[in-house]
Amino acid sequence: MTLDGRLLARARERLAQRKEENTALRDRREAEVYAAAPEIRRTDAALRALLGEVLDFTARGTGTAEALECVREESERLCAEKARALQAHGYPADYLDEIVMCPLCHDSGYREDGTICTCLRKLYEEERAKELSGLLRAGEESFADFRLDYYTGEARECMELTLAAARAYAEHFGPESGNLLLQGGTGLGKTFLSGCIARTVSAGGRSVVYETAQEAFAAFEEQKFSRDAETYAAASEKVKRIASCDLLILDDLGTELTTSFTQSALYNIINSRLTAHRKTVISTNLTDEELAARYLPQIISRLNGEYETLLFLGEDIRAIRKQQRYN
């Protein structure tokens, strides 16, 4: 799984902030103890001097095994003396020890073998969930909250199959998964269900990018034409994420202003991700005929040949809810 560099940087910043806070707490404890028990300050000074001897032995290569053993024994004696003094003054024996949240990596974020520690990965997952929540528009999308009671008759039967297929796709997402085209009229739950897919796949540890077609094409346009350095950099980063994520969800295809540039951008997104074996979910209000009339034959060919269509039937859920509020 490829980690998003931006999110990893945020996770590292949070871990570094925790470490700074713990260091500040330890410094306050030390000042408090030294004021109450000056003998502990002297013991710590003796321990630091011993550490300096060990480092000097190591640097010069002059320390004999007997000398190092003497230093070790003296260090243990001083540590025991310090612990007794702390307890005598009403403090726990480990009150001045280093404060760490994660004993596996000592809050560095990485194990000794260079792999990411579970503490940093947890923060990364939190940052990813936070960003995805900001991108999704419907709230806490969940398959369990998808309301089939809004559909009746043939539409209900169709939506039961669509819901089951979308859920299976998300829960079993992996390298062998295909691509989906969520297709149907306005207000039938396509955006909500695509949000369910996004959350479930992301929770499974995969990188997910959720963009409306308008936002995605705007990023491509800004990357190509913007003369502002910050705008260009932000657009380039978004285009990179669109190209490299495990799952791209492109919502509301067909709501954008169709130009030769947006046609080229859409073809680039679809074709490059197919070539790289990365998965895409596209939602659209357009029918097959409307898609064919609007987009290049090369785009339609790939949608027809490489995407499984999940149909959305029924009445506009927003209109149903509005009617229910007034009844």
Protein backbone atom coordinates (compact mmCIF):
# COMPACT_ATOMS: atom_id res chain seq x y z
CA MET A 1 0.00 0.00 0.00
CA THR A 2 1.35 3.42 -0.98
CA LEU A 3 1.11 6.02 1.80
CA ASP A 4 0.06 9.59 1.03
CA GLY A 5 3.06 11.80 1.79
CA ARG A 6 0.90 14.75 2.92
CA LEU A 7 -1.05 12.67 5.40
CA LEU A 8 2.10 10.95 6.66
CA ALA A 9 3.69 14.37 7.24
CA ARG A 10 0.66 15.46 9.27
CA ALA A 11 0.83 12.26 11.31
CA ARG A 12 4.54 12.84 11.98
CA GLU A 13 3.80 16.41 13.09
CA ARG A 14 1.23 15.13 15.59
CA LEU A 15 3.68 12.55 16.91
CA ALA A 16 6.41 15.20 17.22
CA GLN A 17 3.99 17.46 19.08
CA ARG A 18 3.23 14.64 21.53
CA LYS A 19 6.94 14.10 22.07
CA GLU A 20 7.51 17.81 22.73
CA GLU A 21 4.67 17.89 25.25
CA ASN A 22 6.03 14.83 27.07
CA THR A 23 9.54 16.32 27.12
CA ALA A 24 8.17 19.56 28.56
CA LEU A 25 6.28 17.59 31.22
CA ARG A 26 9.41 15.66 32.14
CA ASP A 27 11.38 18.96 32.39
CA ARG A 28 8.75 20.41 34.74
CA ARG A 29 8.92 17.31 36.91
CA GLU A 30 12.70 17.55 37.05
CA ALA A 31 12.59 21.20 38.12
CA GLU A 32 10.03 20.35 40.79
CA VAL A 33 12.07 17.43 42.17
CA TYR A 34 15.40 19.28 42.11
CA ALA A 35 13.84 22.12 44.13
CA ALA A 36 12.48 19.69 46.72
CA ALA A 37 15.44 17.28 46.81
CA PRO A 38 18.83 18.77 45.79
CA GLU A 39 20.51 15.42 46.43
CA ILE A 40 18.67 13.97 43.42
CA ARG A 41 20.17 16.70 41.23
CA ARG A 42 23.62 15.61 42.42
CA THR A 43 22.81 11.96 41.70
CA ASP A 44 21.69 12.84 38.18
CA ALA A 45 24.91 14.80 37.66
CA ALA A 46 26.90 11.74 38.70
CA LEU A 47 24.92 9.56 36.30
CA ARG A 48 25.58 11.96 33.43
CA ALA A 49 29.29 11.91 34.25
CA LEU A 50 29.26 8.11 34.11
CA LEU A 51 27.54 8.24 30.71
CA GLY A 52 30.25 10.61 29.54
CA GLU A 53 32.90 8.07 30.61
CA VAL A 54 31.19 5.31 28.61
CA LEU A 55 30.97 7.51 25.52
CA ASP A 56 34.61 8.47 25.90
CA PHE A 57 35.63 4.80 26.24
CA THR A 58 33.62 3.97 23.14
CA ALA A 59 35.02 6.84 21.06
CA ARG A 60 38.64 6.10 21.96
CA GLY A 61 38.30 2.32 22.16
CA THR A 62 40.24 2.33 25.45
CA GLY A 63 37.69 0.93 27.87
CA THR A 64 38.53 -2.49 29.29
CA ALA A 65 35.81 -4.97 30.14
CA GLU A 66 36.69 -4.56 33.82
CA ALA A 67 36.39 -0.75 33.64
CA LEU A 68 33.06 -0.93 31.83
CA GLU A 69 31.74 -3.38 34.41
CA CYS A 70 32.70 -0.97 37.19
CA VAL A 71 30.88 1.84 35.43
CA ARG A 72 27.81 -0.37 35.02
CA GLU A 73 27.77 -1.32 38.70
CA GLU A 74 28.17 2.31 39.79
CA SER A 75 25.37 3.35 37.45
CA GLU A 76 23.04 0.73 38.94
CA ARG A 77 23.94 1.88 42.45
CA LEU A 78 23.19 5.52 41.63
CA CYS A 79 19.90 4.62 39.94
CA ALA A 80 18.81 2.65 43.01
CA GLU A 81 19.85 5.56 45.24
CA LYS A 82 17.84 7.97 43.08
CA ALA A 83 14.75 5.74 43.21
CA ARG A 84 14.95 5.56 47.02
CA ALA A 85 15.34 9.33 47.27
CA LEU A 86 12.34 9.95 45.01
CA GLN A 87 10.17 7.63 47.08
CA ALA A 88 11.40 9.21 50.29
CA HIS A 89 10.12 12.55 49.02
CA GLY A 90 6.76 11.08 48.03
CA TYR A 91 7.39 10.56 44.30
CA PRO A 92 7.15 7.32 42.28
CA ALA A 93 10.52 5.70 41.61
CA ASP A 94 10.12 6.28 37.85
CA TYR A 95 8.90 9.89 38.17
CA LEU A 96 11.87 11.30 36.25
CA ASP A 97 12.07 8.58 33.60
CA GLU A 98 11.59 9.49 29.93
CA ILE A 99 7.87 9.84 29.16
CA VAL A 100 6.88 7.97 26.01
CA MET A 101 3.48 7.13 24.54
CA CYS A 102 4.80 4.18 22.54
CA PRO A 103 7.37 1.83 24.12
CA LEU A 104 7.94 0.11 20.77
CA CYS A 105 9.54 3.12 19.03
CA HIS A 106 9.95 5.66 21.86
CA ASP A 107 7.71 8.04 19.88
CA SER A 108 10.02 8.17 16.86
CA GLY A 109 7.35 6.59 14.65
CA TYR A 110 9.70 3.92 13.31
CA ARG A 111 10.93 0.57 14.59
CA GLU A 112 14.61 -0.38 14.67
CA ASP A 113 14.23 -2.18 11.33
CA GLY A 114 12.97 1.04 9.71
CA THR A 115 9.33 -0.03 9.40
CA ILE A 116 6.52 2.31 10.42
CA CYS A 117 5.43 1.78 14.00
CA THR A 118 1.81 1.07 14.86
CA CYS A 119 1.53 4.42 16.70
CA LEU A 120 2.45 6.44 13.60
CA ARG A 121 0.25 4.28 11.37
CA LYS A 122 -2.70 4.89 13.71
CA LEU A 123 -2.19 8.64 13.45
CA TYR A 124 -1.91 8.29 9.66
CA GLU A 125 -5.21 6.41 9.52
CA GLU A 126 -6.84 9.13 11.62
CA GLU A 127 -5.57 11.81 9.21
CA ARG A 128 -6.82 9.84 6.23
CA ALA A 129 -10.27 9.38 7.77
CA LYS A 130 -10.40 13.08 8.65
CA GLU A 131 -9.56 14.14 5.09
CA LEU A 132 -12.05 11.72 3.55
CA SER A 133 -14.78 12.98 5.89
CA GLY A 134 -14.06 16.51 4.69
CA LEU A 135 -14.38 15.48 1.06
CA LEU A 136 -17.59 13.49 1.36
CA ARG A 137 -20.73 15.57 1.39
CA ALA A 138 -23.42 13.35 2.84
CA GLY A 139 -22.03 12.83 6.35
CA GLU A 140 -21.14 9.50 7.95
CA GLU A 141 -21.97 7.31 4.98
CA SER A 142 -22.63 3.68 5.91
CA PHE A 143 -24.08 0.77 3.97
CA ALA A 144 -26.25 0.00 7.01
CA ASP A 145 -27.89 3.43 6.65
CA PHE A 146 -28.79 3.07 2.96
CA ARG A 147 -32.59 3.31 2.93
CA LEU A 148 -34.17 0.73 0.61
CA ASP A 149 -37.65 1.75 1.81
CA TYR A 150 -37.45 4.78 -0.48
CA TYR A 151 -37.72 2.42 -3.47
CA THR A 152 -40.72 0.35 -4.55
CA GLY A 153 -41.54 -2.40 -7.06
CA GLU A 154 -38.99 -2.94 -9.81
CA ALA A 155 -36.84 -0.08 -8.48
CA ARG A 156 -36.63 -1.80 -5.08
CA GLU A 157 -35.48 -5.06 -6.66
CA CYS A 158 -32.88 -3.21 -8.73
CA MET A 159 -31.57 -1.24 -5.75
CA GLU A 160 -31.27 -4.37 -3.60
CA LEU A 161 -28.93 -5.82 -6.22
CA THR A 162 -27.04 -2.51 -6.58
CA LEU A 163 -26.57 -2.18 -2.83
CA ALA A 164 -25.35 -5.77 -2.50
CA ALA A 165 -22.91 -5.37 -5.39
CA ALA A 166 -21.52 -2.06 -4.08
CA ARG A 167 -21.11 -3.48 -0.59
CA ALA A 168 -19.33 -6.60 -1.84
CA TYR A 169 -17.05 -4.46 -4.01
CA ALA A 170 -16.05 -2.27 -1.05
CA GLU A 171 -15.66 -5.05 1.50
CA HIS A 172 -13.55 -7.23 -0.80
CA PHE A 173 -11.66 -4.43 -2.56
CA GLY A 174 -8.21 -5.43 -3.77
CA PRO A 175 -5.88 -5.69 -6.77
CA GLU A 176 -8.30 -7.99 -8.58
CA SER A 177 -11.29 -5.66 -8.20
CA GLY A 178 -12.83 -4.06 -11.27
CA ASN A 179 -14.19 -0.59 -11.94
CA LEU A 180 -17.74 0.63 -11.35
CA LEU A 181 -20.09 3.00 -13.16
CA LEU A 182 -22.93 4.14 -10.88
CA GLN A 183 -25.61 5.27 -13.29
CA GLY A 184 -29.09 6.70 -12.77
CA GLY A 185 -31.19 9.82 -12.35
CA THR A 186 -30.76 12.66 -9.88
CA GLY A 187 -31.40 12.01 -6.20
CA LEU A 188 -31.33 8.21 -6.25
CA GLY A 189 -28.43 7.68 -3.82
CA LYS A 190 -25.39 7.48 -6.10
CA THR A 191 -23.33 9.98 -4.11
CA PHE A 192 -24.30 8.41 -0.79
CA LEU A 193 -23.43 4.91 -1.98
CA SER A 194 -20.14 6.04 -3.48
CA GLY A 195 -19.38 7.58 -0.08
CA CYS A 196 -20.10 4.22 1.56
CA ILE A 197 -17.64 2.58 -0.83
CA ALA A 198 -15.02 5.25 -0.09
CA ARG A 199 -15.28 4.88 3.68
CA THR A 200 -15.21 1.08 3.63
CA VAL A 201 -12.25 0.83 1.25
CA SER A 202 -10.35 3.49 3.20
CA ALA A 203 -11.03 1.70 6.48
CA GLY A 204 -9.46 -1.38 4.89
CA GLY A 205 -6.14 0.44 4.57
CA ARG A 206 -6.35 1.51 0.92
CA SER A 207 -5.75 5.05 -0.31
CA VAL A 208 -8.96 6.66 -1.59
CA VAL A 209 -9.43 9.96 -3.40
CA TYR A 210 -12.97 11.32 -3.71
CA GLU A 211 -13.51 14.16 -6.19
CA THR A 212 -16.39 15.58 -8.18
CA ALA A 213 -15.77 15.65 -11.91
CA GLN A 214 -15.78 19.46 -11.82
CA GLU A 215 -13.12 19.59 -9.09
CA ALA A 216 -10.93 16.97 -10.76
CA PHE A 217 -10.98 18.67 -14.16
CA ALA A 218 -10.37 22.07 -12.54
CA ALA A 219 -7.18 20.66 -10.99
CA PHE A 220 -5.96 19.44 -14.39
CA GLU A 221 -6.74 22.87 -15.86
CA GLU A 222 -4.95 24.76 -13.08
CA GLN A 223 -1.93 22.49 -13.39
CA LYS A 224 -1.68 23.24 -17.09
CA PHE A 225 -2.56 26.93 -17.23
CA SER A 226 -2.04 28.57 -13.83
CA ARG A 227 0.84 31.02 -13.50
CA ASP A 228 0.51 31.25 -9.73
CA ALA A 229 3.10 29.03 -8.06
CA GLU A 230 0.94 28.03 -5.09
CA THR A 231 -2.10 27.28 -7.25
CA TYR A 232 0.04 25.23 -9.62
CA ALA A 233 1.63 23.27 -6.76
CA ALA A 234 -1.73 22.50 -5.13
CA ALA A 235 -3.24 21.43 -8.45
CA SER A 236 -0.23 19.26 -9.28
CA GLU A 237 -0.49 17.53 -5.91
CA LYS A 238 -4.20 16.82 -6.49
CA VAL A 239 -3.54 15.49 -10.00
CA LYS A 240 -0.81 13.25 -8.58
CA ARG A 241 -3.20 11.85 -5.96
CA ILE A 242 -5.89 11.27 -8.60
CA ALA A 243 -3.41 9.27 -10.65
CA SER A 244 -1.77 7.27 -7.86
CA CYS A 245 -4.47 6.39 -5.31
CA ASP A 246 -5.71 2.81 -4.95
CA LEU A 247 -9.31 3.88 -5.56
CA LEU A 248 -10.52 7.05 -7.27
CA ILE A 249 -14.17 7.98 -6.90
CA LEU A 250 -15.19 10.48 -9.56
CA ASP A 251 -18.62 11.81 -8.65
CA ASP A 252 -21.21 13.59 -10.81
CA LEU A 253 -19.64 13.01 -14.21
CA GLY A 254 -21.62 15.05 -16.70
CA THR A 255 -22.17 18.11 -14.50
CA GLU A 256 -18.95 19.72 -15.76
CA LEU A 257 -18.75 22.04 -18.74
CA THR A 258 -17.66 19.73 -21.53
CA THR A 259 -14.74 21.06 -23.56
CA SER A 260 -11.94 19.50 -25.53
CA PHE A 261 -9.74 19.96 -22.45
CA THR A 262 -12.12 18.18 -20.05
CA GLN A 263 -12.54 15.38 -22.59
CA SER A 264 -8.77 15.00 -22.71
CA ALA A 265 -8.51 15.10 -18.90
CA LEU A 266 -11.22 12.44 -18.50
CA TYR A 267 -9.58 10.17 -21.05
CA ASN A 268 -6.24 10.66 -19.30
CA ILE A 269 -7.74 9.73 -15.91
CA ILE A 270 -9.57 6.65 -17.17
CA ASN A 271 -6.86 5.33 -19.47
CA SER A 272 -3.87 5.95 -17.19
CA ARG A 273 -5.56 4.29 -14.24
CA LEU A 274 -6.56 1.29 -16.35
CA THR A 275 -2.99 0.97 -17.60
CA ALA A 276 -1.66 1.16 -14.03
CA HIS A 277 -4.28 -1.38 -12.82
CA ARG A 278 -5.72 1.16 -10.38
CA LYS A 279 -9.45 1.13 -9.71
CA THR A 280 -12.05 3.81 -10.38
CA VAL A 281 -15.69 4.34 -9.46
CA ILE A 282 -17.59 6.88 -11.57
CA SER A 283 -21.09 8.14 -10.87
CA THR A 284 -23.24 9.93 -13.43
CA ASN A 285 -26.82 11.07 -14.03
CA LEU A 286 -26.41 10.53 -17.77
CA THR A 287 -27.92 7.64 -19.72
CA ASP A 288 -25.87 5.51 -22.12
CA GLU A 289 -27.16 7.59 -25.02
CA GLU A 290 -26.29 10.86 -23.30
CA LEU A 291 -22.81 9.61 -22.40
CA ALA A 292 -22.19 8.54 -26.02
CA ALA A 293 -23.37 11.92 -27.31
CA ARG A 294 -21.20 13.86 -24.89
CA TYR A 295 -17.87 12.03 -24.69
CA LEU A 296 -15.23 10.76 -27.08
CA PRO A 297 -15.66 7.25 -28.53
CA GLN A 298 -12.37 6.23 -26.84
CA ILE A 299 -13.86 7.13 -23.46
CA ILE A 300 -17.14 5.33 -24.11
CA SER A 301 -15.26 2.25 -25.32
CA ARG A 302 -13.37 2.02 -22.04
CA LEU A 303 -16.48 2.62 -19.93
CA ASN A 304 -18.35 -0.10 -21.80
CA GLY A 305 -15.49 -2.59 -21.79
CA GLU A 306 -13.80 -2.03 -18.41
CA TYR A 307 -16.57 -0.87 -16.05
CA GLU A 308 -19.40 -2.79 -14.42
CA THR A 309 -22.58 -0.70 -14.41
CA LEU A 310 -24.69 -0.48 -11.26
CA LEU A 311 -28.11 0.96 -12.11
CA PHE A 312 -30.06 3.31 -9.84
CA LEU A 313 -33.83 3.40 -10.36
CA GLY A 314 -36.74 5.01 -8.54
CA GLU A 315 -38.01 8.45 -7.57
CA ASP A 316 -35.90 11.39 -6.38
CA ILE A 317 -35.26 10.70 -2.68
CA ARG A 318 -35.00 14.41 -1.95
CA ALA A 319 -38.47 14.97 -3.35
CA ILE A 320 -39.83 12.03 -1.32
CA ARG A 321 -38.32 13.42 1.88
CA LYS A 322 -39.72 16.87 1.16
CA GLN A 323 -43.17 15.41 0.61
CA GLN A 324 -42.92 13.39 3.84
CA ARG A 325 -42.04 16.53 5.81
CA TYR A 326 -45.21 18.25 4.62
CA ASN A 327 -47.51 15.26 5.20
